[in-house]
Amino acid sequence: MNELLASHPLLTALGWTLIHFVWQACVVGFVSAICLVILRSAKPQLRYAVLNIAMLGAVFWPLQTFVQHWQANPVAIGTQS
């Protein structure tokens, strides 16, 4: 049973997405921190927009990674093991 679950393409794609999310979140956080340092004397609305873009990046980058891994390992419909 465990071997069947471990070899399922959905779980494989999800696992790789979670692994990649660790470094992706670090990159998003690092870039947003640099932007905040550069924009420390800017209007609060601009800093707020930068952080909103960073949060969207932290959602959509892993989603894009999941889609890539899912497409690399498509599920064969109608096949039985």
PDB file of N, CA and C in Angstrom:
ATOM      1  N   MET A   1       0.820  -1.197   0.000  1.00  0.00           N
ATOM      2  CA  MET A   1       0.000   0.000   0.000  1.00  0.00           C
ATOM      3  C   MET A   1       0.862   1.258   0.000  1.00  0.00           C
ATOM      4  N   ASN A   2       1.905   1.279   0.855  1.00  0.00           N
ATOM      5  CA  ASN A   2       2.770   2.450   0.910  1.00  0.00           C
ATOM      6  C   ASN A   2       3.523   2.664  -0.394  1.00  0.00           C
ATOM      7  N   GLU A   3       3.930   1.567  -1.033  1.00  0.00           N
ATOM      8  CA  GLU A   3       4.638   1.690  -2.303  1.00  0.00           C
ATOM      9  C   GLU A   3       3.719   2.271  -3.370  1.00  0.00           C
ATOM     10  N   LEU A   4       2.448   1.895  -3.318  1.00  0.00           N
ATOM     11  CA  LEU A   4       1.478   2.417  -4.273  1.00  0.00           C
ATOM     12  C   LEU A   4       1.276   3.912  -4.080  1.00  0.00           C
ATOM     13  N   LEU A   5       1.176   4.333  -2.834  1.00  0.00           N
ATOM     14  CA  LEU A   5       1.003   5.766  -2.558  1.00  0.00           C
ATOM     15  C   LEU A   5       2.254   6.552  -2.902  1.00  0.00           C
ATOM     16  N   ALA A   6       3.416   5.991  -2.616  1.00  0.00           N
ATOM     17  CA  ALA A   6       4.668   6.703  -2.876  1.00  0.00           C
ATOM     18  C   ALA A   6       4.922   6.863  -4.363  1.00  0.00           C
ATOM     19  N   SER A   7       4.391   5.964  -5.164  1.00  0.00           N
ATOM     20  CA  SER A   7       4.630   6.049  -6.600  1.00  0.00           C
ATOM     21  C   SER A   7       3.523   6.803  -7.330  1.00  0.00           C
ATOM     22  N   HIS A   8       2.535   7.287  -6.624  1.00  0.00           N
ATOM     23  CA  HIS A   8       1.435   8.007  -7.267  1.00  0.00           C
ATOM     24  C   HIS A   8       1.951   9.370  -7.760  1.00  0.00           C
ATOM     25  N   PRO A   9       1.692   9.708  -9.009  1.00  0.00           N
ATOM     26  CA  PRO A   9       2.219  10.966  -9.574  1.00  0.00           C
ATOM     27  C   PRO A   9       1.751  12.224  -8.845  1.00  0.00           C
ATOM     28  N   LEU A  10       0.527  12.207  -8.309  1.00  0.00           N
ATOM     29  CA  LEU A  10       0.038  13.371  -7.579  1.00  0.00           C
ATOM     30  C   LEU A  10       0.862  13.606  -6.318  1.00  0.00           C
ATOM     31  N   LEU A  11       1.136  12.538  -5.581  1.00  0.00           N
ATOM     32  CA  LEU A  11       1.922  12.679  -4.355  1.00  0.00           C
ATOM     33  C   LEU A  11       3.376  13.012  -4.657  1.00  0.00           C
ATOM     34  N   THR A  12       3.897  12.471  -5.746  1.00  0.00           N
ATOM     35  CA  THR A  12       5.261  12.804  -6.141  1.00  0.00           C
ATOM     36  C   THR A  12       5.378  14.278  -6.496  1.00  0.00           C
ATOM     37  N   ALA A  13       4.423  14.775  -7.274  1.00  0.00           N
ATOM     38  CA  ALA A  13       4.433  16.193  -7.652  1.00  0.00           C
ATOM     39  C   ALA A  13       4.262  17.090  -6.433  1.00  0.00           C
ATOM     40  N   LEU A  14       3.381  16.695  -5.528  1.00  0.00           N
ATOM     41  CA  LEU A  14       3.165  17.484  -4.316  1.00  0.00           C
ATOM     42  C   LEU A  14       4.407  17.484  -3.427  1.00  0.00           C
ATOM     43  N   GLY A  15       5.057  16.348  -3.309  1.00  0.00           N
ATOM     44  CA  GLY A  15       6.276  16.272  -2.500  1.00  0.00           C
ATOM     45  C   GLY A  15       7.392  17.140  -3.049  1.00  0.00           C
ATOM     46  N   TRP A  16       7.614  17.068  -4.362  1.00  0.00           N
ATOM     47  CA  TRP A  16       8.654  17.916  -4.959  1.00  0.00           C
ATOM     48  C   TRP A  16       8.292  19.389  -4.859  1.00  0.00           C
ATOM     49  N   THR A  17       7.007  19.700  -4.942  1.00  0.00           N
ATOM     50  CA  THR A  17       6.577  21.093  -4.788  1.00  0.00           C
ATOM     51  C   THR A  17       6.897  21.598  -3.390  1.00  0.00           C
ATOM     52  N   LEU A  18       6.648  20.791  -2.380  1.00  0.00           N
ATOM     53  CA  LEU A  18       6.943  21.202  -1.010  1.00  0.00           C
ATOM     54  C   LEU A  18       8.443  21.366  -0.786  1.00  0.00           C
ATOM     55  N   ILE A  19       9.235  20.495  -1.394  1.00  0.00           N
ATOM     56  CA  ILE A  19      10.687  20.619  -1.269  1.00  0.00           C
ATOM     57  C   ILE A  19      11.171  21.900  -1.942  1.00  0.00           C
ATOM     58  N   HIS A  20      10.667  22.180  -3.136  1.00  0.00           N
ATOM     59  CA  HIS A  20      11.073  23.390  -3.841  1.00  0.00           C
ATOM     60  C   HIS A  20      10.555  24.654  -3.163  1.00  0.00           C
ATOM     61  N   PHE A  21       9.413  24.551  -2.471  1.00  0.00           N
ATOM     62  CA  PHE A  21       8.857  25.721  -1.806  1.00  0.00           C
ATOM     63  C   PHE A  21       9.792  26.272  -0.728  1.00  0.00           C
ATOM     64  N   VAL A  22      10.587  25.418  -0.143  1.00  0.00           N
ATOM     65  CA  VAL A  22      11.510  25.870   0.908  1.00  0.00           C
ATOM     66  C   VAL A  22      12.463  26.922   0.348  1.00  0.00           C
ATOM     67  N   TRP A  23      13.139  26.631  -0.767  1.00  0.00           N
ATOM     68  CA  TRP A  23      14.075  27.611  -1.314  1.00  0.00           C
ATOM     69  C   TRP A  23      13.343  28.731  -2.046  1.00  0.00           C
ATOM     70  N   GLN A  24      12.187  28.453  -2.616  1.00  0.00           N
ATOM     71  CA  GLN A  24      11.448  29.505  -3.309  1.00  0.00           C
ATOM     72  C   GLN A  24      10.966  30.568  -2.330  1.00  0.00           C
ATOM     73  N   ALA A  25      10.483  30.149  -1.180  1.00  0.00           N
ATOM     74  CA  ALA A  25      10.038  31.103  -0.167  1.00  0.00           C
ATOM     75  C   ALA A  25      11.218  31.927   0.357  1.00  0.00           C
ATOM     76  N   CYS A  26      12.377  31.305   0.482  1.00  0.00           N
ATOM     77  CA  CYS A  26      13.567  32.057   0.901  1.00  0.00           C
ATOM     78  C   CYS A  26      13.944  33.115  -0.129  1.00  0.00           C
ATOM     79  N   VAL A  27      13.864  32.775  -1.405  1.00  0.00           N
ATOM     80  CA  VAL A  27      14.180  33.743  -2.460  1.00  0.00           C
ATOM     81  C   VAL A  27      13.179  34.894  -2.438  1.00  0.00           C
ATOM     82  N   VAL A  28      11.884  34.578  -2.330  1.00  0.00           N
ATOM     83  CA  VAL A  28      10.860  35.626  -2.289  1.00  0.00           C
ATOM     84  C   VAL A  28      11.075  36.526  -1.071  1.00  0.00           C
ATOM     85  N   GLY A  29      11.350  35.943   0.077  1.00  0.00           N
ATOM     86  CA  GLY A  29      11.591  36.730   1.282  1.00  0.00           C
ATOM     87  C   GLY A  29      12.830  37.592   1.181  1.00  0.00           C
ATOM     88  N   PHE A  30      13.897  37.043   0.612  1.00  0.00           N
ATOM     89  CA  PHE A  30      15.146  37.795   0.466  1.00  0.00           C
ATOM     90  C   PHE A  30      14.960  38.973  -0.492  1.00  0.00           C
ATOM     91  N   VAL A  31      14.319  38.732  -1.625  1.00  0.00           N
ATOM     92  CA  VAL A  31      14.104  39.803  -2.603  1.00  0.00           C
ATOM     93  C   VAL A  31      13.178  40.877  -2.029  1.00  0.00           C
ATOM     94  N   SER A  32      12.129  40.472  -1.328  1.00  0.00           N
ATOM     95  CA  SER A  32      11.230  41.472  -0.751  1.00  0.00           C
ATOM     96  C   SER A  32      11.917  42.259   0.361  1.00  0.00           C
ATOM     97  N   ALA A  33      12.800  41.627   1.121  1.00  0.00           N
ATOM     98  CA  ALA A  33      13.541  42.356   2.155  1.00  0.00           C
ATOM     99  C   ALA A  33      14.477  43.392   1.537  1.00  0.00           C
ATOM    100  N   ILE A  34      15.136  43.012   0.450  1.00  0.00           N
ATOM    101  CA  ILE A  34      16.008  43.962  -0.243  1.00  0.00           C
ATOM    102  C   ILE A  34      15.181  45.130  -0.781  1.00  0.00           C
ATOM    103  N   CYS A  35      14.022  44.813  -1.362  1.00  0.00           N
ATOM    104  CA  CYS A  35      13.156  45.876  -1.883  1.00  0.00           C
ATOM    105  C   CYS A  35      12.694  46.802  -0.766  1.00  0.00           C
ATOM    106  N   LEU A  36      12.378  46.267   0.391  1.00  0.00           N
ATOM    107  CA  LEU A  36      11.944  47.111   1.505  1.00  0.00           C
ATOM    108  C   LEU A  36      13.069  48.004   2.014  1.00  0.00           C
ATOM    109  N   VAL A  37      14.293  47.503   1.996  1.00  0.00           N
ATOM    110  CA  VAL A  37      15.432  48.332   2.406  1.00  0.00           C
ATOM    111  C   VAL A  37      15.625  49.476   1.413  1.00  0.00           C
ATOM    112  N   ILE A  38      15.518  49.148   0.136  1.00  0.00           N
ATOM    113  CA  ILE A  38      15.663  50.182  -0.897  1.00  0.00           C
ATOM    114  C   ILE A  38      14.529  51.202  -0.804  1.00  0.00           C
ATOM    115  N   LEU A  39      13.326  50.738  -0.480  1.00  0.00           N
ATOM    116  CA  LEU A  39      12.141  51.602  -0.462  1.00  0.00           C
ATOM    117  C   LEU A  39      11.781  52.095   0.942  1.00  0.00           C
ATOM    118  N   ARG A  40      12.724  52.119   1.853  1.00  0.00           N
ATOM    119  CA  ARG A  40      12.378  52.485   3.233  1.00  0.00           C
ATOM    120  C   ARG A  40      11.853  53.903   3.375  1.00  0.00           C
ATOM    121  N   SER A  41      12.233  54.805   2.460  1.00  0.00           N
ATOM    122  CA  SER A  41      11.723  56.176   2.548  1.00  0.00           C
ATOM    123  C   SER A  41      10.606  56.431   1.529  1.00  0.00           C
ATOM    124  N   ALA A  42      10.139  55.377   0.876  1.00  0.00           N
ATOM    125  CA  ALA A  42       9.054  55.518  -0.100  1.00  0.00           C
ATOM    126  C   ALA A  42       7.708  55.555   0.619  1.00  0.00           C
ATOM    127  N   LYS A  43       6.686  55.818  -0.158  1.00  0.00           N
ATOM    128  CA  LYS A  43       5.337  55.853   0.401  1.00  0.00           C
ATOM    129  C   LYS A  43       4.942  54.465   0.909  1.00  0.00           C
ATOM    130  N   PRO A  44       4.152  54.433   1.963  1.00  0.00           N
ATOM    131  CA  PRO A  44       3.706  53.134   2.486  1.00  0.00           C
ATOM    132  C   PRO A  44       2.912  52.323   1.462  1.00  0.00           C
ATOM    133  N   GLN A  45       2.190  53.007   0.588  1.00  0.00           N
ATOM    134  CA  GLN A  45       1.410  52.297  -0.424  1.00  0.00           C
ATOM    135  C   GLN A  45       2.317  51.501  -1.361  1.00  0.00           C
ATOM    136  N   LEU A  46       3.487  52.040  -1.681  1.00  0.00           N
ATOM    137  CA  LEU A  46       4.426  51.339  -2.551  1.00  0.00           C
ATOM    138  C   LEU A  46       5.016  50.126  -1.841  1.00  0.00           C
ATOM    139  N   ARG A  47       5.385  50.290  -0.579  1.00  0.00           N
ATOM    140  CA  ARG A  47       5.907  49.154   0.181  1.00  0.00           C
ATOM    141  C   ARG A  47       4.839  48.069   0.343  1.00  0.00           C
ATOM    142  N   TYR A  48       3.593  48.498   0.552  1.00  0.00           N
ATOM    143  CA  TYR A  48       2.475  47.560   0.666  1.00  0.00           C
ATOM    144  C   TYR A  48       2.289  46.790  -0.644  1.00  0.00           C
ATOM    145  N   ALA A  49       2.404  47.483  -1.760  1.00  0.00           N
ATOM    146  CA  ALA A  49       2.273  46.830  -3.068  1.00  0.00           C
ATOM    147  C   ALA A  49       3.397  45.826  -3.289  1.00  0.00           C
ATOM    148  N   VAL A  50       4.615  46.176  -2.896  1.00  0.00           N
ATOM    149  CA  VAL A  50       5.748  45.256  -3.045  1.00  0.00           C
ATOM    150  C   VAL A  50       5.512  43.993  -2.225  1.00  0.00           C
ATOM    151  N   LEU A  51       5.020  44.140  -1.007  1.00  0.00           N
ATOM    152  CA  LEU A  51       4.777  42.970  -0.167  1.00  0.00           C
ATOM    153  C   LEU A  51       3.604  42.137  -0.677  1.00  0.00           C
ATOM    154  N   ASN A  52       2.603  42.785  -1.261  1.00  0.00           N
ATOM    155  CA  ASN A  52       1.504  42.029  -1.860  1.00  0.00           C
ATOM    156  C   ASN A  52       1.987  41.209  -3.043  1.00  0.00           C
ATOM    157  N   ILE A  53       2.857  41.801  -3.861  1.00  0.00           N
ATOM    158  CA  ILE A  53       3.433  41.067  -4.987  1.00  0.00           C
ATOM    159  C   ILE A  53       4.266  39.889  -4.479  1.00  0.00           C
ATOM    160  N   ALA A  54       4.996  40.102  -3.392  1.00  0.00           N
ATOM    161  CA  ALA A  54       5.797  39.014  -2.810  1.00  0.00           C
ATOM    162  C   ALA A  54       4.893  37.882  -2.315  1.00  0.00           C
ATOM    163  N   MET A  55       3.775  38.223  -1.673  1.00  0.00           N
ATOM    164  CA  MET A  55       2.862  37.177  -1.206  1.00  0.00           C
ATOM    165  C   MET A  55       2.238  36.421  -2.373  1.00  0.00           C
ATOM    166  N   LEU A  56       1.887  37.130  -3.432  1.00  0.00           N
ATOM    167  CA  LEU A  56       1.358  36.454  -4.610  1.00  0.00           C
ATOM    168  C   LEU A  56       2.412  35.548  -5.232  1.00  0.00           C
ATOM    169  N   GLY A  57       3.660  36.016  -5.241  1.00  0.00           N
ATOM    170  CA  GLY A  57       4.748  35.184  -5.753  1.00  0.00           C
ATOM    171  C   GLY A  57       4.936  33.930  -4.920  1.00  0.00           C
ATOM    172  N   ALA A  58       4.752  34.059  -3.605  1.00  0.00           N
ATOM    173  CA  ALA A  58       4.898  32.907  -2.716  1.00  0.00           C
ATOM    174  C   ALA A  58       3.758  31.898  -2.898  1.00  0.00           C
ATOM    175  N   VAL A  59       2.675  32.315  -3.542  1.00  0.00           N
ATOM    176  CA  VAL A  59       1.577  31.396  -3.832  1.00  0.00           C
ATOM    177  C   VAL A  59       1.706  30.807  -5.232  1.00  0.00           C
ATOM    178  N   PHE A  60       1.968  31.677  -6.208  1.00  0.00           N
ATOM    179  CA  PHE A  60       1.924  31.225  -7.600  1.00  0.00           C
ATOM    180  C   PHE A  60       3.195  30.527  -8.066  1.00  0.00           C
ATOM    181  N   TRP A  61       4.347  30.830  -7.481  1.00  0.00           N
ATOM    182  CA  TRP A  61       5.574  30.137  -7.869  1.00  0.00           C
ATOM    183  C   TRP A  61       5.496  28.647  -7.520  1.00  0.00           C
ATOM    184  N   PRO A  62       5.094  28.283  -6.292  1.00  0.00           N
ATOM    185  CA  PRO A  62       4.935  26.851  -6.002  1.00  0.00           C
ATOM    186  C   PRO A  62       3.816  26.199  -6.821  1.00  0.00           C
ATOM    187  N   LEU A  63       2.775  26.947  -7.119  1.00  0.00           N
ATOM    188  CA  LEU A  63       1.712  26.404  -7.958  1.00  0.00           C
ATOM    189  C   LEU A  63       2.238  26.077  -9.351  1.00  0.00           C
ATOM    190  N   GLN A  64       3.062  26.949  -9.885  1.00  0.00           N
ATOM    191  CA  GLN A  64       3.677  26.710 -11.193  1.00  0.00           C
ATOM    192  C   GLN A  64       4.627  25.513 -11.122  1.00  0.00           C
ATOM    193  N   THR A  65       5.336  25.367 -10.023  1.00  0.00           N
ATOM    194  CA  THR A  65       6.225  24.223  -9.831  1.00  0.00           C
ATOM    195  C   THR A  65       5.423  22.923  -9.784  1.00  0.00           C
ATOM    196  N   PHE A  66       4.292  22.954  -9.080  1.00  0.00           N
ATOM    197  CA  PHE A  66       3.438  21.766  -9.020  1.00  0.00           C
ATOM    198  C   PHE A  66       2.954  21.373 -10.410  1.00  0.00           C
ATOM    199  N   VAL A  67       2.528  22.342 -11.201  1.00  0.00           N
ATOM    200  CA  VAL A  67       2.042  22.050 -12.549  1.00  0.00           C
ATOM    201  C   VAL A  67       3.161  21.453 -13.397  1.00  0.00           C
ATOM    202  N   GLN A  68       4.372  21.984 -13.270  1.00  0.00           N
ATOM    203  CA  GLN A  68       5.497  21.437 -14.028  1.00  0.00           C
ATOM    204  C   GLN A  68       5.767  19.985 -13.650  1.00  0.00           C
ATOM    205  N   HIS A  69       5.778  19.686 -12.364  1.00  0.00           N
ATOM    206  CA  HIS A  69       6.038  18.314 -11.922  1.00  0.00           C
ATOM    207  C   HIS A  69       4.875  17.396 -12.291  1.00  0.00           C
ATOM    208  N   TRP A  70       3.669  17.912 -12.242  1.00  0.00           N
ATOM    209  CA  TRP A  70       2.501  17.111 -12.600  1.00  0.00           C
ATOM    210  C   TRP A  70       2.531  16.759 -14.081  1.00  0.00           C
ATOM    211  N   GLN A  71       2.912  17.724 -14.930  1.00  0.00           N
ATOM    212  CA  GLN A  71       2.968  17.475 -16.369  1.00  0.00           C
ATOM    213  C   GLN A  71       4.144  16.575 -16.743  1.00  0.00           C
ATOM    214  N   ALA A  72       5.189  16.587 -15.944  1.00  0.00           N
ATOM    215  CA  ALA A  72       6.332  15.712 -16.214  1.00  0.00           C
ATOM    216  C   ALA A  72       6.003  14.262 -15.886  1.00  0.00           C
ATOM    217  N   ASN A  73       5.016  14.039 -15.021  1.00  0.00           N
ATOM    218  CA  ASN A  73       4.595  12.702 -14.596  1.00  0.00           C
ATOM    219  C   ASN A  73       3.093  12.543 -14.793  1.00  0.00           C
ATOM    220  N   PRO A  74       2.613  12.506 -16.034  1.00  0.00           N
ATOM    221  CA  PRO A  74       1.157  12.443 -16.231  1.00  0.00           C
ATOM    222  C   PRO A  74       0.575  11.112 -15.755  1.00  0.00           C
ATOM    223  N   VAL A  75      -0.662  11.181 -15.304  1.00  0.00           N
ATOM    224  CA  VAL A  75      -1.361   9.990 -14.861  1.00  0.00           C
ATOM    225  C   VAL A  75      -1.959   9.312 -16.084  1.00  0.00           C
ATOM    226  N   ALA A  76      -1.675   8.043 -16.214  1.00  0.00           N
ATOM    227  CA  ALA A  76      -2.238   7.281 -17.324  1.00  0.00           C
ATOM    228  C   ALA A  76      -3.671   6.905 -16.975  1.00  0.00           C
ATOM    229  N   ILE A  77      -4.600   7.443 -17.723  1.00  0.00           N
ATOM    230  CA  ILE A  77      -6.018   7.184 -17.466  1.00  0.00           C
ATOM    231  C   ILE A  77      -6.399   5.837 -18.076  1.00  0.00           C
ATOM    232  N   GLY A  78      -7.055   5.029 -17.302  1.00  0.00           N
ATOM    233  CA  GLY A  78      -7.545   3.761 -17.805  1.00  0.00           C
ATOM    234  C   GLY A  78      -6.559   2.614 -17.629  1.00  0.00           C
ATOM    235  N   THR A  79      -5.396   2.866 -17.059  1.00  0.00           N
ATOM    236  CA  THR A  79      -4.453   1.768 -16.848  1.00  0.00           C
ATOM    237  C   THR A  79      -4.570   1.283 -15.412  1.00  0.00           C
ATOM    238  N   GLN A  80      -4.396   0.030 -15.245  1.00  0.00           N
ATOM    239  CA  GLN A  80      -4.450  -0.558 -13.904  1.00  0.00           C
ATOM    240  C   GLN A  80      -3.131  -1.256 -13.631  1.00  0.00           C
ATOM    241  N   SER A  81      -2.677  -1.147 -12.387  1.00  0.00           N
ATOM    242  CA  SER A  81      -1.437  -1.817 -12.027  1.00  0.00           C
ATOM    243  C   SER A  81      -1.697  -3.044 -11.192  1.00  0.00           C
TER     244      SER A  81
END
